[in-house]
């Protein structure tokens, strides 16, 4: 029973996680990118160890080649001097060194080949992963765009459906506005009918009479000012008042 409950719980948890992954593909892609970086890091660590082995084999081969050259020279020198016992000992050591050298060269060749294959496999795997990641990024961008378009389309479709309905909110609002307009128009009509226009006409006549009276006063004032301006006084001067012949008689 506990096992069945555990499986059921795992199933619900898996469905929940799957739903989160579907809703957040970018987060899942970022996690996979981080996992890829970690895998490449671990692979490079192992590759470094293998490269260290190759370098150690290269060092051993060089040392054995140096020992081989030295033992050959010593064997030849002792043999030339007639020291066959010493030459035989050097010859035995030379055989051992040559066997080790042959074995180390084989190991070095195999290690070099393995190293190159590992580097090539890493580069190919990274290239494929990068291409897939770029494809997924493009797909996620397209998915986001299509989701947005779907939401807009669904919203527009819902608005069209709601606006086209006979009992929607806008229709009810239009009915309310029309009813209030009619009520307001009725109130205006009642107020106009209740207004006493007799007093209004009297007030209008009074205003007209007062305006006519003010205009008559203004015209009279203007006429008096024009008459006063028409009489011009000529100033008296001695030269103009005495005739010329009287001046000569004096």
C-alpha atoms as a PDB file:
ATOM      1  CA  UNK A   1       0.000   0.000   0.000  1.00  0.00           C
ATOM      2  CA  UNK A   2       2.783   2.404   0.928  1.00  0.00           C
ATOM      3  CA  UNK A   3       4.497   1.615  -2.364  1.00  0.00           C
ATOM      4  CA  UNK A   4       1.330   2.429  -4.305  1.00  0.00           C
ATOM      5  CA  UNK A   5       0.894   5.702  -2.408  1.00  0.00           C
ATOM      6  CA  UNK A   6       4.536   6.536  -3.105  1.00  0.00           C
ATOM      7  CA  UNK A   7       4.082   5.843  -6.806  1.00  0.00           C
ATOM      8  CA  UNK A   8       0.943   7.981  -6.854  1.00  0.00           C
ATOM      9  CA  UNK A   9       2.771  10.812  -5.120  1.00  0.00           C
ATOM     10  CA  UNK A  10       5.655  10.528  -7.596  1.00  0.00           C
ATOM     11  CA  UNK A  11       3.164  10.612 -10.457  1.00  0.00           C
ATOM     12  CA  UNK A  12       1.510  13.787  -9.161  1.00  0.00           C
ATOM     13  CA  UNK A  13       4.915  15.364  -8.543  1.00  0.00           C
ATOM     14  CA  UNK A  14       6.040  14.442 -12.052  1.00  0.00           C
ATOM     15  CA  UNK A  15       2.893  15.978 -13.543  1.00  0.00           C
ATOM     16  CA  UNK A  16       3.446  19.152 -11.501  1.00  0.00           C
ATOM     17  CA  UNK A  17       7.079  19.407 -12.594  1.00  0.00           C
ATOM     18  CA  UNK A  18       6.127  18.744 -16.212  1.00  0.00           C
ATOM     19  CA  UNK A  19       3.578  21.536 -16.026  1.00  0.00           C
ATOM     20  CA  UNK A  20       6.204  23.919 -14.654  1.00  0.00           C
ATOM     21  CA  UNK A  21       8.588  22.910 -17.430  1.00  0.00           C
ATOM     22  CA  UNK A  22       5.941  23.614 -20.051  1.00  0.00           C
ATOM     23  CA  UNK A  23       5.189  26.998 -18.547  1.00  0.00           C
ATOM     24  CA  UNK A  24       8.872  27.968 -18.124  1.00  0.00           C
ATOM     25  CA  UNK A  25      10.908  26.482 -20.995  1.00  0.00           C
ATOM     26  CA  UNK A  26      13.547  29.210 -20.641  1.00  0.00           C
ATOM     27  CA  UNK A  27      14.313  28.165 -17.064  1.00  0.00           C
ATOM     28  CA  UNK A  28      14.616  24.534 -18.141  1.00  0.00           C
ATOM     29  CA  UNK A  29      16.933  25.521 -20.994  1.00  0.00           C
ATOM     30  CA  UNK A  30      19.109  27.523 -18.594  1.00  0.00           C
ATOM     31  CA  UNK A  31      19.373  24.483 -16.308  1.00  0.00           C
ATOM     32  CA  UNK A  32      20.418  22.302 -19.249  1.00  0.00           C
ATOM     33  CA  UNK A  33      23.013  24.863 -20.306  1.00  0.00           C
ATOM     34  CA  UNK A  34      24.454  24.823 -16.804  1.00  0.00           C
ATOM     35  CA  UNK A  35      24.504  21.010 -16.840  1.00  0.00           C
ATOM     36  CA  UNK A  36      26.312  21.108 -20.178  1.00  0.00           C
ATOM     37  CA  UNK A  37      28.918  23.480 -18.770  1.00  0.00           C
ATOM     38  CA  UNK A  38      29.474  21.160 -15.808  1.00  0.00           C
ATOM     39  CA  UNK A  39      29.774  18.100 -18.065  1.00  0.00           C
ATOM     40  CA  UNK A  40      32.282  19.883 -20.299  1.00  0.00           C
ATOM     41  CA  UNK A  41      34.242  20.881 -17.182  1.00  0.00           C
ATOM     42  CA  UNK A  42      34.362  17.270 -15.928  1.00  0.00           C
ATOM     43  CA  UNK A  43      35.293  16.045 -19.402  1.00  0.00           C
ATOM     44  CA  UNK A  44      38.121  18.581 -19.615  1.00  0.00           C
ATOM     45  CA  UNK A  45      39.381  17.456 -16.211  1.00  0.00           C
ATOM     46  CA  UNK A  46      39.592  13.857 -17.447  1.00  0.00           C
ATOM     47  CA  UNK A  47      41.168  15.076 -20.670  1.00  0.00           C
ATOM     48  CA  UNK A  48      43.819  16.909 -18.693  1.00  0.00           C
ATOM     49  CA  UNK A  49      44.657  13.715 -16.813  1.00  0.00           C
ATOM     50  CA  UNK A  50      44.988  11.858 -20.103  1.00  0.00           C
ATOM     51  CA  UNK A  51      47.169  14.657 -21.497  1.00  0.00           C
ATOM     52  CA  UNK A  52      49.363  14.318 -18.393  1.00  0.00           C
ATOM     53  CA  UNK A  53      49.754  10.587 -19.138  1.00  0.00           C
ATOM     54  CA  UNK A  54      50.783  11.415 -22.705  1.00  0.00           C
ATOM     55  CA  UNK A  55      53.360  13.902 -21.494  1.00  0.00           C
ATOM     56  CA  UNK A  56      54.744  11.359 -19.024  1.00  0.00           C
ATOM     57  CA  UNK A  57      55.080   8.764 -21.810  1.00  0.00           C
ATOM     58  CA  UNK A  58      56.828  11.348 -23.998  1.00  0.00           C
ATOM     59  CA  UNK A  59      59.307  11.961 -21.156  1.00  0.00           C
ATOM     60  CA  UNK A  60      59.899   8.249 -20.694  1.00  0.00           C
ATOM     61  CA  UNK A  61      60.453   7.691 -24.415  1.00  0.00           C
ATOM     62  CA  UNK A  62      62.990  10.506 -24.531  1.00  0.00           C
ATOM     63  CA  UNK A  63      64.822   9.129 -21.510  1.00  0.00           C
ATOM     64  CA  UNK A  64      64.863   5.603 -22.934  1.00  0.00           C
ATOM     65  CA  UNK A  65      66.110   6.944 -26.275  1.00  0.00           C
ATOM     66  CA  UNK A  66      68.913   8.715 -24.424  1.00  0.00           C
ATOM     67  CA  UNK A  67      69.715   5.515 -22.469  1.00  0.00           C
ATOM     68  CA  UNK A  68      69.643   3.523 -25.695  1.00  0.00           C
ATOM     69  CA  UNK A  69      72.156   5.822 -27.352  1.00  0.00           C
ATOM     70  CA  UNK A  70      74.399   5.788 -24.281  1.00  0.00           C
ATOM     71  CA  UNK A  71      74.330   1.970 -23.900  1.00  0.00           C
ATOM     72  CA  UNK A  72      75.058   1.470 -27.591  1.00  0.00           C
ATOM     73  CA  UNK A  73      78.047   3.733 -27.324  1.00  0.00           C
ATOM     74  CA  UNK A  74      79.357   1.954 -24.207  1.00  0.00           C
ATOM     75  CA  UNK A  75      78.792  -1.491 -25.681  1.00  0.00           C
ATOM     76  CA  UNK A  76      80.626  -0.568 -28.849  1.00  0.00           C
ATOM     77  CA  UNK A  77      83.507   1.038 -26.911  1.00  0.00           C
ATOM     78  CA  UNK A  78      84.063  -1.934 -24.595  1.00  0.00           C
ATOM     79  CA  UNK A  79      83.792  -4.348 -27.480  1.00  0.00           C
ATOM     80  CA  UNK A  80      86.403  -2.369 -29.371  1.00  0.00           C
ATOM     81  CA  UNK A  81      88.694  -2.431 -26.353  1.00  0.00           C
ATOM     82  CA  UNK A  82      88.305  -6.211 -26.074  1.00  0.00           C
ATOM     83  CA  UNK A  83      86.397  -6.003 -22.802  1.00  0.00           C
ATOM     84  CA  UNK A  84      83.758  -8.501 -23.800  1.00  0.00           C
ATOM     85  CA  UNK A  85      82.342  -9.116 -20.336  1.00  0.00           C
ATOM     86  CA  UNK A  86      81.518  -5.436 -19.764  1.00  0.00           C
ATOM     87  CA  UNK A  87      80.313  -5.152 -23.357  1.00  0.00           C
ATOM     88  CA  UNK A  88      77.976  -8.113 -22.746  1.00  0.00           C
ATOM     89  CA  UNK A  89      76.504  -6.487 -19.650  1.00  0.00           C
ATOM     90  CA  UNK A  90      75.878  -3.256 -21.565  1.00  0.00           C
ATOM     91  CA  UNK A  91      74.345  -5.267 -24.396  1.00  0.00           C
ATOM     92  CA  UNK A  92      71.893  -6.958 -21.997  1.00  0.00           C
ATOM     93  CA  UNK A  93      70.870  -3.608 -20.524  1.00  0.00           C
ATOM     94  CA  UNK A  94      70.526  -2.257 -24.065  1.00  0.00           C
ATOM     95  CA  UNK A  95      68.079  -5.043 -24.953  1.00  0.00           C
ATOM     96  CA  UNK A  96      65.946  -4.250 -21.900  1.00  0.00           C
ATOM     97  CA  UNK A  97      65.916  -0.546 -22.694  1.00  0.00           C
ATOM     98  CA  UNK A  98      64.981  -1.215 -26.313  1.00  0.00           C
ATOM     99  CA  UNK A  99      62.073  -3.467 -25.256  1.00  0.00           C
ATOM    100  CA  UNK A 100      60.824  -0.779 -22.850  1.00  0.00           C
ATOM    101  CA  UNK A 101      61.318   1.849 -25.525  1.00  0.00           C
ATOM    102  CA  UNK A 102      59.273  -0.127 -28.031  1.00  0.00           C
ATOM    103  CA  UNK A 103      56.482  -0.648 -25.512  1.00  0.00           C
ATOM    104  CA  UNK A 104      56.453   2.996 -24.453  1.00  0.00           C
ATOM    105  CA  UNK A 105      56.341   4.135 -28.075  1.00  0.00           C
ATOM    106  CA  UNK A 106      53.311   1.947 -28.672  1.00  0.00           C
ATOM    107  CA  UNK A 107      51.626   3.317 -25.538  1.00  0.00           C
ATOM    108  CA  UNK A 108      52.505   6.868 -26.561  1.00  0.00           C
ATOM    109  CA  UNK A 109      51.057   6.368 -30.036  1.00  0.00           C
ATOM    110  CA  UNK A 110      47.867   4.874 -28.621  1.00  0.00           C
ATOM    111  CA  UNK A 111      47.586   7.631 -26.008  1.00  0.00           C
ATOM    112  CA  UNK A 112      48.098  10.340 -28.627  1.00  0.00           C
ATOM    113  CA  UNK A 113      45.414   8.779 -30.818  1.00  0.00           C
ATOM    114  CA  UNK A 114      43.027   8.453 -27.870  1.00  0.00           C
ATOM    115  CA  UNK A 115      43.679  12.056 -26.815  1.00  0.00           C
ATOM    116  CA  UNK A 116      42.945  13.393 -30.318  1.00  0.00           C
ATOM    117  CA  UNK A 117      39.779  11.288 -30.529  1.00  0.00           C
ATOM    118  CA  UNK A 118      38.607  12.552 -27.143  1.00  0.00           C
ATOM    119  CA  UNK A 119      39.244  16.164 -28.145  1.00  0.00           C
ATOM    120  CA  UNK A 120      37.388  15.615 -31.417  1.00  0.00           C
ATOM    121  CA  UNK A 121      34.480  13.921 -29.609  1.00  0.00           C
ATOM    122  CA  UNK A 122      34.292  16.796 -27.106  1.00  0.00           C
ATOM    123  CA  UNK A 123      34.290  19.423 -29.850  1.00  0.00           C
ATOM    124  CA  UNK A 124      31.630  17.568 -31.836  1.00  0.00           C
ATOM    125  CA  UNK A 125      29.449  17.097 -28.764  1.00  0.00           C
ATOM    126  CA  UNK A 126      29.773  20.785 -27.818  1.00  0.00           C
ATOM    127  CA  UNK A 127      29.010  21.852 -31.386  1.00  0.00           C
ATOM    128  CA  UNK A 128      25.895  19.674 -31.509  1.00  0.00           C
ATOM    129  CA  UNK A 129      24.760  20.883 -28.084  1.00  0.00           C
ATOM    130  CA  UNK A 130      25.272  24.534 -29.042  1.00  0.00           C
ATOM    131  CA  UNK A 131      23.346  24.087 -32.278  1.00  0.00           C
ATOM    132  CA  UNK A 132      20.513  22.429 -30.371  1.00  0.00           C
ATOM    133  CA  UNK A 133      20.511  25.161 -27.742  1.00  0.00           C
ATOM    134  CA  UNK A 134      20.348  27.867 -30.412  1.00  0.00           C
ATOM    135  CA  UNK A 135      17.517  25.984 -32.097  1.00  0.00           C
ATOM    136  CA  UNK A 136      15.699  25.720 -28.767  1.00  0.00           C
ATOM    137  CA  UNK A 137      16.190  29.433 -28.100  1.00  0.00           C
ATOM    138  CA  UNK A 138      14.694  30.229 -31.482  1.00  0.00           C
ATOM    139  CA  UNK A 139      11.846  27.805 -30.799  1.00  0.00           C
ATOM    140  CA  UNK A 140      11.194  29.353 -27.378  1.00  0.00           C
ATOM    141  CA  UNK A 141      11.089  32.848 -28.900  1.00  0.00           C
ATOM    142  CA  UNK A 142       8.644  31.616 -31.527  1.00  0.00           C
ATOM    143  CA  UNK A 143       6.619  29.878 -28.804  1.00  0.00           C
ATOM    144  CA  UNK A 144       6.401  33.091 -26.754  1.00  0.00           C
ATOM    145  CA  UNK A 145       5.325  35.066 -29.816  1.00  0.00           C
ATOM    146  CA  UNK A 146       2.678  32.509 -30.739  1.00  0.00           C
ATOM    147  CA  UNK A 147       1.413  32.356 -27.162  1.00  0.00           C
ATOM    148  CA  UNK A 148       1.070  36.141 -27.129  1.00  0.00           C
ATOM    149  CA  UNK A 149      -0.726  36.084 -30.478  1.00  0.00           C
ATOM    150  CA  UNK A 150      -3.023  33.326 -29.233  1.00  0.00           C
ATOM    151  CA  UNK A 151      -3.873  35.305 -26.101  1.00  0.00           C
ATOM    152  CA  UNK A 152      -4.588  38.452 -28.129  1.00  0.00           C
ATOM    153  CA  UNK A 153      -6.688  36.487 -30.617  1.00  0.00           C
ATOM    154  CA  UNK A 154      -8.637  34.762 -27.845  1.00  0.00           C
ATOM    155  CA  UNK A 155      -9.202  38.079 -26.096  1.00  0.00           C
ATOM    156  CA  UNK A 156     -10.383  39.705 -29.334  1.00  0.00           C
ATOM    157  CA  UNK A 157     -12.633  36.746 -30.077  1.00  0.00           C
ATOM    158  CA  UNK A 158     -14.129  36.962 -26.603  1.00  0.00           C
ATOM    159  CA  UNK A 159     -14.703  40.691 -26.999  1.00  0.00           C
ATOM    160  CA  UNK A 160     -16.461  40.159 -30.335  1.00  0.00           C
ATOM    161  CA  UNK A 161     -18.642  37.463 -28.830  1.00  0.00           C
ATOM    162  CA  UNK A 162     -19.510  39.559 -25.803  1.00  0.00           C
ATOM    163  CA  UNK A 163     -20.098  42.741 -27.783  1.00  0.00           C
ATOM    164  CA  UNK A 164     -22.314  40.888 -30.257  1.00  0.00           C
ATOM    165  CA  UNK A 165     -24.564  39.496 -27.546  1.00  0.00           C
ATOM    166  CA  UNK A 166     -28.070  40.910 -27.014  1.00  0.00           C
ATOM    167  CA  UNK A 167     -27.858  41.098 -23.236  1.00  0.00           C
ATOM    168  CA  UNK A 168     -24.298  42.287 -22.711  1.00  0.00           C
ATOM    169  CA  UNK A 169     -23.122  45.061 -20.450  1.00  0.00           C
ATOM    170  CA  UNK A 170     -22.809  47.675 -23.187  1.00  0.00           C
ATOM    171  CA  UNK A 171     -26.389  47.191 -24.272  1.00  0.00           C
ATOM    172  CA  UNK A 172     -27.585  47.569 -20.710  1.00  0.00           C
ATOM    173  CA  UNK A 173     -25.432  50.662 -20.281  1.00  0.00           C
ATOM    174  CA  UNK A 174     -26.868  52.148 -23.498  1.00  0.00           C
ATOM    175  CA  UNK A 175     -30.391  51.531 -22.222  1.00  0.00           C
ATOM    176  CA  UNK A 176     -29.573  53.219 -18.916  1.00  0.00           C
ATOM    177  CA  UNK A 177     -28.066  56.255 -20.655  1.00  0.00           C
ATOM    178  CA  UNK A 178     -31.069  56.631 -22.957  1.00  0.00           C
ATOM    179  CA  UNK A 179     -33.485  56.410 -20.033  1.00  0.00           C
ATOM    180  CA  UNK A 180     -31.577  59.052 -18.047  1.00  0.00           C
ATOM    181  CA  UNK A 181     -31.498  61.343 -21.104  1.00  0.00           C
ATOM    182  CA  UNK A 182     -35.258  61.078 -21.462  1.00  0.00           C
ATOM    183  CA  UNK A 183     -35.735  61.843 -17.771  1.00  0.00           C
ATOM    184  CA  UNK A 184     -33.471  64.896 -17.999  1.00  0.00           C
ATOM    185  CA  UNK A 185     -35.331  66.160 -21.101  1.00  0.00           C
ATOM    186  CA  UNK A 186     -38.654  65.742 -19.254  1.00  0.00           C
ATOM    187  CA  UNK A 187     -37.369  67.755 -16.291  1.00  0.00           C
ATOM    188  CA  UNK A 188     -36.275  70.570 -18.643  1.00  0.00           C
ATOM    189  CA  UNK A 189     -39.714  70.648 -20.264  1.00  0.00           C
ATOM    190  CA  UNK A 190     -41.490  70.769 -16.927  1.00  0.00           C
ATOM    191  CA  UNK A 191     -39.220  73.590 -15.732  1.00  0.00           C
ATOM    192  CA  UNK A 192     -39.865  75.609 -18.900  1.00  0.00           C
ATOM    193  CA  UNK A 193     -43.607  75.154 -18.616  1.00  0.00           C
ATOM    194  CA  UNK A 194     -43.503  76.270 -14.985  1.00  0.00           C
ATOM    195  CA  UNK A 195     -41.585  79.487 -15.780  1.00  0.00           C
ATOM    196  CA  UNK A 196     -43.656  82.767 -15.586  1.00  0.00           C
ATOM    197  CA  UNK A 197     -42.858  84.489 -18.882  1.00  0.00           C
ATOM    198  CA  UNK A 198     -44.907  87.634 -18.059  1.00  0.00           C
ATOM    199  CA  UNK A 199     -42.301  88.886 -15.610  1.00  0.00           C
ATOM    200  CA  UNK A 200     -39.616  88.072 -18.117  1.00  0.00           C
ATOM    201  CA  UNK A 201     -41.269  90.185 -20.804  1.00  0.00           C
ATOM    202  CA  UNK A 202     -41.687  93.118 -18.368  1.00  0.00           C
ATOM    203  CA  UNK A 203     -38.016  92.924 -17.452  1.00  0.00           C
ATOM    204  CA  UNK A 204     -37.041  92.874 -21.116  1.00  0.00           C
ATOM    205  CA  UNK A 205     -39.212  96.021 -21.816  1.00  0.00           C
ATOM    206  CA  UNK A 206     -37.648  97.833 -18.859  1.00  0.00           C
ATOM    207  CA  UNK A 207     -34.166  97.017 -20.065  1.00  0.00           C
ATOM    208  CA  UNK A 208     -35.007  98.251 -23.585  1.00  0.00           C
ATOM    209  CA  UNK A 209     -36.468 101.555 -22.255  1.00  0.00           C
ATOM    210  CA  UNK A 210     -33.484 102.230 -20.053  1.00  0.00           C
ATOM    211  CA  UNK A 211     -31.146 101.527 -22.943  1.00  0.00           C
ATOM    212  CA  UNK A 212     -33.105 103.907 -25.237  1.00  0.00           C
ATOM    213  CA  UNK A 213     -33.032 106.649 -22.584  1.00  0.00           C
ATOM    214  CA  UNK A 214     -29.297 106.287 -22.077  1.00  0.00           C
ATOM    215  CA  UNK A 215     -28.741 106.462 -25.825  1.00  0.00           C
ATOM    216  CA  UNK A 216     -30.826 109.710 -26.109  1.00  0.00           C
ATOM    217  CA  UNK A 217     -28.795 111.333 -23.342  1.00  0.00           C
ATOM    218  CA  UNK A 218     -25.590 110.322 -25.063  1.00  0.00           C
ATOM    219  CA  UNK A 219     -26.761 111.852 -28.379  1.00  0.00           C
ATOM    220  CA  UNK A 220     -27.740 115.146 -26.697  1.00  0.00           C
ATOM    221  CA  UNK A 221     -24.372 115.409 -25.020  1.00  0.00           C
ATOM    222  CA  UNK A 222     -22.612 114.797 -28.303  1.00  0.00           C
ATOM    223  CA  UNK A 223     -24.662 117.524 -30.072  1.00  0.00           C
ATOM    224  CA  UNK A 224     -23.819 120.167 -27.424  1.00  0.00           C
ATOM    225  CA  UNK A 225     -20.148 119.394 -27.686  1.00  0.00           C
ATOM    226  CA  UNK A 226     -20.234 119.813 -31.490  1.00  0.00           C
ATOM    227  CA  UNK A 227     -22.050 123.254 -31.233  1.00  0.00           C
ATOM    228  CA  UNK A 228     -19.506 124.537 -28.689  1.00  0.00           C
ATOM    229  CA  UNK A 229     -16.684 123.452 -30.911  1.00  0.00           C
ATOM    230  CA  UNK A 230     -18.138 125.468 -33.921  1.00  0.00           C
ATOM    231  CA  UNK A 231     -17.761 129.028 -32.224  1.00  0.00           C
ATOM    232  CA  UNK A 232     -14.119 130.172 -32.594  1.00  0.00           C
ATOM    233  CA  UNK A 233     -12.837 133.382 -30.699  1.00  0.00           C
ATOM    234  CA  UNK A 234     -10.269 135.481 -32.701  1.00  0.00           C
ATOM    235  CA  UNK A 235      -7.703 137.111 -30.343  1.00  0.00           C
ATOM    236  CA  UNK A 236      -7.255 140.988 -30.543  1.00  0.00           C
ATOM    237  CA  UNK A 237      -3.935 142.370 -31.751  1.00  0.00           C
ATOM    238  CA  UNK A 238      -2.878 146.033 -32.287  1.00  0.00           C
ATOM    239  CA  UNK A 239      -1.509 145.454 -35.709  1.00  0.00           C
ATOM    240  CA  UNK A 240      -4.723 143.990 -36.971  1.00  0.00           C
ATOM    241  CA  UNK A 241      -7.131 146.569 -35.398  1.00  0.00           C
ATOM    242  CA  UNK A 242      -5.487 149.910 -36.619  1.00  0.00           C
ATOM    243  CA  UNK A 243      -5.768 150.833 -40.307  1.00  0.00           C
ATOM    244  CA  UNK A 244      -2.699 151.782 -42.174  1.00  0.00           C
ATOM    245  CA  UNK A 245      -3.919 155.281 -43.378  1.00  0.00           C
ATOM    246  CA  UNK A 246      -4.570 156.447 -39.802  1.00  0.00           C
ATOM    247  CA  UNK A 247      -1.069 155.634 -38.895  1.00  0.00           C
ATOM    248  CA  UNK A 248       0.178 157.749 -41.831  1.00  0.00           C
ATOM    249  CA  UNK A 249      -2.031 160.788 -40.758  1.00  0.00           C
ATOM    250  CA  UNK A 250      -0.432 160.836 -37.384  1.00  0.00           C
END
